[in-house]
């Protein structure tokens, strides 16, 4: 049965109602310039409400005649959609949350292209310049909250998780919501949706009407990972590195639920930053947690971290199994330390300016066969630098799994090759094999074909 589609014109909400002619001109370019393919695929994923595919190419094949155009009117702009998924509409009207997400995608893509990448005042080749760009994107999206105490909890975890793991993430979110914490995730399903849904219930019980549910994505991911319906504020960063920096600059604590390769990439990113001697004095609560059935998963992750990065990295996090209330209490305690530190150092609550993020962690990594082959996966290097290259290795595997460019590269040239010492690659192989066995690489109804080969030297 063919997918049901509709045509529609929709008006913007929020500050896109008030645009200069220059800004309107920049938005019109999205429909006909270099940004169009990314905008088309990202907007289609947003519209694909309730049908999680994890494959942007398959989604485009399902809706081959889908198109989206920015059109100009005297009062500003509208979006015109052709052959859009009917699930995004109720009684002929687009669901308001989906409409807001569509215009968020447009807003961020235009801002990044016209204001950041074409503006010489933004130095994207320096560490401070990249952090400045991240700040400006978040401020333009109006997600920074300058007048509230620290309360943003970043939750990481996989989309392909068990029902028990999802329910557990929801209960942790509920406990956080009862304590008035806000939630920030990668905006997808699974462990990205559960904490938001639980927090929404907790906020409702506490009559908290100011809770924030922030989703942060990037073009390569959102094209295959639709925002979940709880996401209130959606921000599209230009690449995975700026997305990761957004998480750690915005967050006051991080909770990691069970996941796969993408979650491991996030873990390696935050550990590589926290293990840096320049950040040793900065409090940053980091908790790994899941239900009792996830105990072996976290033992495996813990074993991998210890074998590759050592005890120094192991001391930076705590593992809490099957105890949502304890997780929330530890977050309360940890964020109290963050609050006191920010006060003592006069740092902003809404953006962690003091955290040192080296340029090596900020520069976009293109997952090509050559770049993957030349990663330095050897012991004896500074731990933060090894963590950076391990993060890139897992980022490349994510690309080969779900991103269009990575999938095409694998189809053309075969699997990526990762070379390094056996002391690094053997625990990595154990971890990846377990992810495949536990169906954490792809959705359970799909057979996983590895996009990588590990070659020990």
Protein backbone atom coordinates (compact mmCIF):
# COMPACT_ATOMS: atom_id res chain seq x y z
CA UNK A 1 0.00 0.00 0.00
CA UNK A 2 1.53 3.38 -0.98
CA UNK A 3 2.33 5.85 1.76
CA UNK A 4 -0.38 8.49 2.19
CA UNK A 5 0.79 12.00 1.35
CA UNK A 6 -0.59 15.54 1.42
CA UNK A 7 0.31 18.98 0.07
CA UNK A 8 0.28 21.97 2.40
CA UNK A 9 1.47 25.49 3.15
CA UNK A 10 2.47 26.31 6.73
CA UNK A 11 3.32 29.55 8.52
CA UNK A 12 6.19 29.99 10.99
CA UNK A 13 5.84 30.43 14.74
CA UNK A 14 8.17 32.33 17.05
CA UNK A 15 10.87 34.74 15.95
CA UNK A 16 10.77 33.61 12.30
CA UNK A 17 7.64 35.71 12.11
CA UNK A 18 9.85 38.82 12.12
CA UNK A 19 12.42 38.75 9.32
CA UNK A 20 14.37 41.32 7.33
CA UNK A 21 14.42 41.12 3.55
CA UNK A 22 18.03 39.93 3.75
CA UNK A 23 17.00 37.08 6.05
CA UNK A 24 14.10 36.18 3.77
CA UNK A 25 16.50 36.09 0.82
CA UNK A 26 18.83 33.73 2.74
CA UNK A 27 15.92 31.41 3.51
CA UNK A 28 14.77 31.35 -0.09
CA UNK A 29 18.23 30.09 -1.06
CA UNK A 30 17.61 26.94 0.99
CA UNK A 31 15.09 25.81 -1.64
CA UNK A 32 17.50 26.10 -4.52
CA UNK A 33 21.08 26.18 -3.23
CA UNK A 34 23.62 23.77 -1.78
CA UNK A 35 21.63 23.38 1.43
CA UNK A 36 18.58 21.97 -0.34
CA UNK A 37 19.45 18.21 -0.22
CA UNK A 38 20.20 18.35 3.52
CA UNK A 39 17.11 20.45 4.19
CA UNK A 40 14.88 18.12 2.18
CA UNK A 41 16.10 14.96 3.93
CA UNK A 42 16.07 16.54 7.40
CA UNK A 43 12.59 18.00 6.97
CA UNK A 44 11.25 14.66 5.73
CA UNK A 45 12.60 12.95 8.84
CA UNK A 46 10.84 15.55 11.02
CA UNK A 47 7.58 14.92 9.15
CA UNK A 48 7.91 11.15 9.44
CA UNK A 49 6.16 11.25 12.80
CA UNK A 50 5.87 7.98 14.70
CA UNK A 51 7.59 5.78 12.09
CA UNK A 52 11.18 5.32 13.20
CA UNK A 53 13.35 3.92 10.40
CA UNK A 54 17.00 4.65 11.31
CA UNK A 55 17.73 4.87 7.58
CA UNK A 56 17.49 8.19 5.75
CA UNK A 57 17.89 6.60 2.34
CA UNK A 58 15.00 4.21 2.92
CA UNK A 59 12.85 7.13 4.06
CA UNK A 60 13.59 9.05 0.85
CA UNK A 61 12.75 5.92 -1.16
CA UNK A 62 9.39 5.68 0.60
CA UNK A 63 8.57 9.28 -0.30
CA UNK A 64 10.43 9.81 -3.60
CA UNK A 65 8.16 12.68 -4.70
CA UNK A 66 8.43 14.62 -1.46
CA UNK A 67 9.53 18.23 -1.88
CA UNK A 68 9.70 21.32 0.31
CA UNK A 69 10.07 24.94 -0.75
CA UNK A 70 10.49 28.24 1.05
CA UNK A 71 8.14 30.78 -0.48
CA UNK A 72 8.10 34.54 0.07
CA UNK A 73 5.08 36.57 1.00
CA UNK A 74 4.74 40.23 1.92
CA UNK A 75 4.75 39.38 5.62
CA UNK A 76 7.71 37.02 5.40
CA UNK A 77 7.90 33.33 4.47
CA UNK A 78 5.93 30.13 4.41
CA UNK A 79 6.91 26.54 3.76
CA UNK A 80 5.22 24.76 0.89
CA UNK A 81 5.21 20.97 1.07
CA UNK A 82 4.47 18.49 -1.69
CA UNK A 83 3.71 14.80 -1.07
CA UNK A 84 4.50 15.09 2.64
CA UNK A 85 3.76 12.17 5.02
CA UNK A 86 0.11 12.38 6.04
CA UNK A 87 0.95 11.26 9.59
CA UNK A 88 2.23 14.79 10.29
CA UNK A 89 -1.30 16.19 9.91
CA UNK A 90 -4.52 15.99 11.92
CA UNK A 91 -7.76 16.87 10.13
CA UNK A 92 -5.79 18.63 7.43
CA UNK A 93 -3.70 20.74 9.83
CA UNK A 94 -0.04 20.04 10.58
CA UNK A 95 0.68 19.02 14.18
CA UNK A 96 2.02 22.17 15.87
CA UNK A 97 5.07 20.51 17.38
CA UNK A 98 6.11 19.14 13.97
CA UNK A 99 5.62 22.57 12.40
CA UNK A 100 7.86 24.11 15.06
CA UNK A 101 10.54 21.49 14.44
CA UNK A 102 10.42 22.12 10.69
CA UNK A 103 11.06 25.82 11.15
CA UNK A 104 13.79 25.05 13.69
CA UNK A 105 15.61 23.05 11.02
CA UNK A 106 15.25 25.95 8.58
CA UNK A 107 16.32 28.52 11.18
CA UNK A 108 19.50 26.69 12.16
CA UNK A 109 20.60 25.69 8.67
CA UNK A 110 20.20 29.25 7.40
CA UNK A 111 21.91 30.79 10.43
CA UNK A 112 24.87 28.43 10.22
CA UNK A 113 25.31 28.96 6.50
CA UNK A 114 24.73 32.71 6.24
CA UNK A 115 25.99 33.97 9.60
CA UNK A 116 28.72 31.58 10.70
CA UNK A 117 30.31 30.01 7.67
CA UNK A 118 30.28 33.18 5.56
CA UNK A 119 31.27 35.56 8.33
CA UNK A 120 34.99 36.20 8.77
CA UNK A 121 34.47 37.26 12.39
CA UNK A 122 33.86 33.60 13.29
CA UNK A 123 37.19 31.77 13.31
CA UNK A 124 36.24 28.12 12.91
CA UNK A 125 39.90 27.11 12.83
CA UNK A 126 40.57 28.01 16.48
CA UNK A 127 39.26 26.40 19.65
CA UNK A 128 37.86 29.65 21.08
CA UNK A 129 36.31 30.49 17.71
CA UNK A 130 34.47 27.17 17.53
CA UNK A 131 33.17 27.54 21.08
CA UNK A 132 32.02 31.05 20.20
CA UNK A 133 30.15 29.65 17.17
CA UNK A 134 28.47 26.98 19.31
CA UNK A 135 27.33 29.67 21.74
CA UNK A 136 25.90 31.85 18.96
CA UNK A 137 23.95 28.98 17.40
CA UNK A 138 22.39 28.10 20.77
CA UNK A 139 21.64 31.74 21.54
CA UNK A 140 20.05 32.27 18.12
CA UNK A 141 17.85 29.23 18.82
CA UNK A 142 16.83 30.85 22.13
CA UNK A 143 17.54 27.76 24.22
CA UNK A 144 19.96 29.41 26.68
CA UNK A 145 18.26 30.28 29.97
CA UNK A 146 20.35 32.93 31.78
CA UNK A 147 18.10 33.53 34.79
CA UNK A 148 17.73 30.06 36.30
CA UNK A 149 20.03 27.97 38.53
CA UNK A 150 21.83 24.89 37.14
CA UNK A 151 19.25 22.21 36.34
CA UNK A 152 20.00 20.82 32.86
CA UNK A 153 20.63 17.05 32.81
CA UNK A 154 21.96 15.65 29.54
CA UNK A 155 20.80 12.08 28.89
CA UNK A 156 22.62 9.87 26.40
CA UNK A 157 21.71 6.36 25.29
CA UNK A 158 20.66 4.30 22.32
CA UNK A 159 17.51 4.21 20.23
CA UNK A 160 17.69 0.44 19.79
CA UNK A 161 17.11 -0.59 23.40
CA UNK A 162 14.86 -3.12 25.11
CA UNK A 163 11.45 -2.24 26.52
CA UNK A 164 12.83 -2.74 30.04
CA UNK A 165 15.69 -0.32 29.36
CA UNK A 166 13.28 2.23 27.89
CA UNK A 167 10.94 2.00 30.88
CA UNK A 168 13.91 2.40 33.22
CA UNK A 169 15.10 5.54 31.40
CA UNK A 170 11.57 6.89 31.71
CA UNK A 171 11.54 6.25 35.47
CA UNK A 172 14.89 8.02 35.88
CA UNK A 173 13.43 10.94 33.94
CA UNK A 174 10.39 10.86 36.23
CA UNK A 175 12.61 11.12 39.31
CA UNK A 176 14.52 14.00 37.71
CA UNK A 177 11.28 15.75 36.79
CA UNK A 178 10.01 15.47 40.37
CA UNK A 179 13.15 17.38 41.35
CA UNK A 180 12.53 20.05 38.69
CA UNK A 181 15.47 19.15 36.45
CA UNK A 182 15.34 19.89 32.72
CA UNK A 183 16.27 17.26 30.14
CA UNK A 184 18.50 17.47 27.07
CA UNK A 185 18.96 14.50 24.71
CA UNK A 186 19.87 13.71 21.13
CA UNK A 187 16.12 14.07 20.39
CA UNK A 188 15.52 10.59 18.96
CA UNK A 189 13.65 7.56 20.30
CA UNK A 190 14.59 5.00 22.96
CA UNK A 191 16.83 6.36 25.71
CA UNK A 192 16.50 9.84 24.18
CA UNK A 193 12.71 9.82 24.48
CA UNK A 194 12.28 7.93 27.78
CA UNK A 195 13.87 10.51 30.13
CA UNK A 196 11.91 13.34 28.50
CA UNK A 197 8.62 11.47 28.81
CA UNK A 198 9.26 10.61 32.43
CA UNK A 199 10.35 14.16 33.27
CA UNK A 200 7.19 15.55 31.65
CA UNK A 201 5.09 13.47 34.06
CA UNK A 202 7.27 14.53 37.01
CA UNK A 203 6.99 18.18 36.04
CA UNK A 204 3.23 17.84 35.71
CA UNK A 205 2.96 16.35 39.21
CA UNK A 206 4.99 19.24 40.61
CA UNK A 207 2.97 21.78 38.57
CA UNK A 208 6.20 22.84 36.92
CA UNK A 209 5.17 24.60 33.71
CA UNK A 210 8.65 25.87 32.80
CA UNK A 211 10.40 22.54 32.22
CA UNK A 212 12.65 22.39 29.18
CA UNK A 213 12.91 19.37 26.85
CA UNK A 214 15.81 20.16 24.55
CA UNK A 215 16.85 18.01 21.59
CA UNK A 216 20.15 18.58 19.80
CA UNK A 217 20.91 16.94 16.46
CA UNK A 218 22.92 17.52 13.29
CA UNK A 219 22.07 17.11 9.58
CA UNK A 220 23.62 13.66 9.12
CA UNK A 221 21.76 12.24 12.11
CA UNK A 222 18.38 13.94 11.94
CA UNK A 223 17.97 12.76 8.33
CA UNK A 224 17.67 9.23 9.73
CA UNK A 225 16.48 9.93 13.28
CA UNK A 226 13.19 11.80 13.67
CA UNK A 227 12.76 14.00 16.77
CA UNK A 228 10.56 12.38 19.38
CA UNK A 229 7.26 14.16 20.16
CA UNK A 230 8.36 15.28 23.65
CA UNK A 231 11.10 17.53 22.26
CA UNK A 232 10.09 21.11 22.93
CA UNK A 233 13.16 22.95 21.62
CA UNK A 234 15.05 21.48 18.65
CA UNK A 235 18.52 22.68 17.63
CA UNK A 236 20.44 21.49 14.57
CA UNK A 237 24.21 21.91 14.92
CA UNK A 238 26.42 21.87 11.80
CA UNK A 239 28.34 18.68 12.68
CA UNK A 240 28.70 15.99 15.31
CA UNK A 241 31.59 17.72 17.08
CA UNK A 242 29.64 20.94 17.67
CA UNK A 243 26.67 18.86 18.71
CA UNK A 244 28.78 17.11 21.34
CA UNK A 245 30.24 20.42 22.52
CA UNK A 246 26.71 21.79 22.87
CA UNK A 247 25.79 18.92 25.19
CA UNK A 248 28.74 19.38 27.52
CA UNK A 249 28.60 23.20 27.56
CA UNK A 250 24.84 23.26 28.27
CA UNK A 251 24.68 20.34 30.69
CA UNK A 252 25.22 20.43 34.44
CA UNK A 253 25.27 16.62 34.71
CA UNK A 254 25.30 13.73 32.24
CA UNK A 255 23.47 10.42 32.58
CA UNK A 256 24.34 7.57 30.20
CA UNK A 257 21.81 4.82 29.56
CA UNK A 258 22.49 1.64 27.56
CA UNK A 259 23.23 2.24 23.90
CA UNK A 260 25.44 1.26 21.03
CA UNK A 261 28.22 2.79 18.96
CA UNK A 262 26.86 6.34 19.09
CA UNK A 263 26.56 6.21 22.87
CA UNK A 264 30.13 4.91 23.13
CA UNK A 265 31.26 7.83 20.97
CA UNK A 266 29.60 10.22 23.42
CA UNK A 267 31.19 8.46 26.41
CA UNK A 268 34.64 8.70 24.86
CA UNK A 269 34.09 12.38 24.09
CA UNK A 270 33.21 13.39 27.65
CA UNK A 271 35.89 11.15 29.19
CA UNK A 272 38.52 12.60 26.85
CA UNK A 273 37.58 16.09 28.02
CA UNK A 274 37.30 15.33 31.73
CA UNK A 275 40.58 13.39 31.81
CA UNK A 276 42.40 16.46 30.44
CA UNK A 277 44.49 17.97 33.29
CA UNK A 278 43.13 21.42 32.39
CA UNK A 279 39.67 20.28 33.55
CA UNK A 280 40.68 18.40 36.71
CA UNK A 281 39.30 21.15 38.99
CA UNK A 282 35.88 21.40 37.29
CA UNK A 283 33.05 19.33 38.82
CA UNK A 284 30.99 17.44 36.24
CA UNK A 285 28.68 14.62 37.44
CA UNK A 286 28.76 11.61 35.10
CA UNK A 287 26.56 8.59 35.84
CA UNK A 288 26.09 5.33 33.90
CA UNK A 289 22.80 3.62 34.74
CA UNK A 290 20.31 1.01 33.61
CA UNK A 291 17.98 -1.72 34.91
CA UNK A 292 19.26 -4.95 36.44
CA UNK A 293 19.24 -6.57 33.01
CA UNK A 294 21.82 -3.99 31.84
CA UNK A 295 24.39 -4.86 34.48
CA UNK A 296 26.47 -6.97 32.08
CA UNK A 297 26.30 -4.19 29.46
CA UNK A 298 27.84 -1.64 31.82
CA UNK A 299 30.40 -4.18 33.02
CA UNK A 300 31.44 -4.55 29.39
CA UNK A 301 31.64 -0.79 28.84
CA UNK A 302 33.54 -0.36 32.10
CA UNK A 303 35.98 -3.10 31.08
CA UNK A 304 36.53 -1.45 27.68
CA UNK A 305 37.21 1.97 29.23
CA UNK A 306 39.60 0.54 31.81
CA UNK A 307 41.48 -1.52 29.22
CA UNK A 308 41.90 1.36 26.76
CA UNK A 309 41.96 4.57 28.80
CA UNK A 310 42.94 3.21 32.20
CA UNK A 311 41.93 3.78 35.81
CA UNK A 312 42.35 7.54 35.45
CA UNK A 313 39.30 7.62 33.17
CA UNK A 314 37.49 4.96 35.22
CA UNK A 315 37.44 7.29 38.26
CA UNK A 316 35.48 9.96 36.39
CA UNK A 317 32.10 8.20 36.47
CA UNK A 318 29.94 6.07 38.72
CA UNK A 319 27.74 3.15 37.73
CA UNK A 320 24.32 2.82 39.36
CA UNK A 321 22.24 -0.24 38.52
CA UNK A 322 18.46 -0.46 38.94
CA UNK A 323 18.01 2.50 41.29
CA UNK A 324 16.37 5.54 39.65
CA UNK A 325 15.91 7.41 42.93
CA UNK A 326 19.60 7.07 43.77
CA UNK A 327 20.49 8.33 40.31
CA UNK A 328 18.35 11.43 40.89
CA UNK A 329 19.82 11.96 44.37
CA UNK A 330 23.34 11.74 42.99
CA UNK A 331 22.41 14.30 40.33
CA UNK A 332 21.08 16.62 43.05
CA UNK A 333 24.35 16.29 44.96
CA UNK A 334 26.51 16.68 41.87
CA UNK A 335 24.68 19.71 40.51
CA UNK A 336 24.90 21.38 43.93
CA UNK A 337 28.69 21.14 43.56
CA UNK A 338 28.43 22.56 40.04
CA UNK A 339 26.30 25.45 41.32
CA UNK A 340 28.75 26.27 44.10
CA UNK A 341 31.69 26.11 41.69
CA UNK A 342 30.01 28.39 39.16
CA UNK A 343 29.25 30.89 41.91
CA UNK A 344 32.80 30.80 43.25
CA UNK A 345 34.33 31.26 39.80
CA UNK A 346 31.61 33.62 38.51
CA UNK A 347 31.01 31.38 35.51
CA UNK A 348 27.66 31.42 33.71
CA UNK A 349 25.05 28.84 34.70
CA UNK A 350 23.72 28.55 31.14
CA UNK A 351 27.00 27.83 29.31
CA UNK A 352 30.14 26.16 30.68
CA UNK A 353 32.77 28.61 29.43
CA UNK A 354 35.53 27.29 31.72
CA UNK A 355 35.57 23.76 30.38
CA UNK A 356 38.65 23.31 28.20
CA UNK A 357 37.87 21.49 24.95
CA UNK A 358 40.98 21.05 22.77
CA UNK A 359 40.81 21.77 19.06
CA UNK A 360 41.43 18.06 18.42
CA UNK A 361 37.95 17.36 19.86
CA UNK A 362 36.30 20.21 17.97
CA UNK A 363 37.47 19.77 14.40
CA UNK A 364 34.95 17.90 12.23
CA UNK A 365 36.02 14.35 11.43
CA UNK A 366 35.14 13.10 7.98
CA UNK A 367 34.69 9.34 8.01
CA UNK A 368 36.63 8.38 4.90
CA UNK A 369 38.54 5.16 4.41
CA UNK A 370 41.84 7.03 4.57
CA UNK A 371 40.96 8.96 7.73
CA UNK A 372 39.73 5.84 9.50
CA UNK A 373 42.85 3.90 8.48
CA UNK A 374 45.23 6.55 9.88
CA UNK A 375 43.70 6.88 13.36
CA UNK A 376 46.37 6.36 16.02
CA UNK A 377 44.97 3.58 18.23
CA UNK A 378 48.04 2.85 20.35
CA UNK A 379 48.73 2.95 24.07
CA UNK A 380 51.44 5.18 25.47
CA UNK A 381 49.83 8.35 24.13
CA UNK A 382 48.24 10.99 26.41
CA UNK A 383 44.93 9.50 27.49
CA UNK A 384 42.87 12.44 26.25
CA UNK A 385 44.40 12.16 22.75
CA UNK A 386 43.79 8.41 22.61
CA UNK A 387 40.20 9.05 23.69
CA UNK A 388 39.87 11.55 20.84
CA UNK A 389 40.96 9.03 18.20
CA UNK A 390 38.81 6.28 19.71
CA UNK A 391 35.88 8.69 19.59
CA UNK A 392 36.58 9.29 15.92
CA UNK A 393 36.71 5.55 15.26
CA UNK A 394 33.27 5.05 16.76
CA UNK A 395 32.01 8.16 14.95
CA UNK A 396 33.12 6.59 11.67
CA UNK A 397 31.24 3.40 12.50
CA UNK A 398 28.12 5.47 13.21
CA UNK A 399 28.59 7.10 9.81
CA UNK A 400 28.96 3.74 8.10
CA UNK A 401 25.84 2.48 9.87
CA UNK A 402 23.31 5.27 9.39
CA UNK A 403 24.65 8.34 7.54
CA UNK A 404 24.14 8.59 3.78
CA UNK A 405 27.76 9.56 3.02
CA UNK A 406 29.15 6.72 5.13
CA UNK A 407 26.75 4.15 3.71
CA UNK A 408 27.71 5.18 0.15
CA UNK A 409 31.44 5.02 0.99
CA UNK A 410 31.06 1.49 2.38
CA UNK A 411 29.04 0.39 -0.64
CA UNK A 412 31.74 1.72 -2.98
CA UNK A 413 34.96 0.73 -1.18
CA UNK A 414 34.00 -1.91 1.35
CA UNK A 415 34.31 -1.75 5.16
CA UNK A 416 36.44 0.84 6.95
CA UNK A 417 39.77 -0.50 8.25
CA UNK A 418 40.86 0.38 11.79
CA UNK A 419 44.48 -0.38 12.62
CA UNK A 420 46.11 -0.35 16.03
CA UNK A 421 47.59 -2.29 18.92
CA UNK A 422 45.91 -5.48 19.99
CA UNK A 423 45.62 -4.04 23.51
CA UNK A 424 43.20 -1.47 22.07
CA UNK A 425 41.50 -3.39 19.28
CA UNK A 426 40.76 -6.59 21.23
CA UNK A 427 38.57 -4.91 23.88
CA UNK A 428 37.07 -2.81 21.09
CA UNK A 429 36.23 -5.96 19.14
CA UNK A 430 34.67 -7.51 22.25
CA UNK A 431 32.51 -4.43 22.75
CA UNK A 432 31.38 -4.17 19.13
CA UNK A 433 30.64 -7.89 18.89
CA UNK A 434 28.45 -7.61 21.98
CA UNK A 435 26.61 -4.66 20.43
CA UNK A 436 25.88 -6.75 17.33
CA UNK A 437 24.74 -9.73 19.40
CA UNK A 438 22.51 -7.52 21.54
CA UNK A 439 21.11 -5.84 18.40
CA UNK A 440 22.33 -2.39 19.47
CA UNK A 441 23.76 -1.49 16.05
CA UNK A 442 20.50 -1.41 14.11
CA UNK A 443 16.83 -1.93 14.79
CA UNK A 444 16.11 -5.52 15.88
CA UNK A 445 14.24 -6.46 12.71
CA UNK A 446 17.26 -5.78 10.51
CA UNK A 447 20.37 -7.89 10.06
CA UNK A 448 23.54 -5.95 10.81
CA UNK A 449 26.37 -6.05 8.29
CA UNK A 450 29.58 -4.65 9.85
CA UNK A 451 30.92 -1.53 8.18
CA UNK A 452 34.38 -1.99 9.72
CA UNK A 453 37.36 -4.35 9.98
CA UNK A 454 39.77 -4.32 12.95
CA UNK A 455 43.39 -5.04 12.00
CA UNK A 456 45.80 -5.44 14.93
CA UNK A 457 49.43 -4.58 14.27
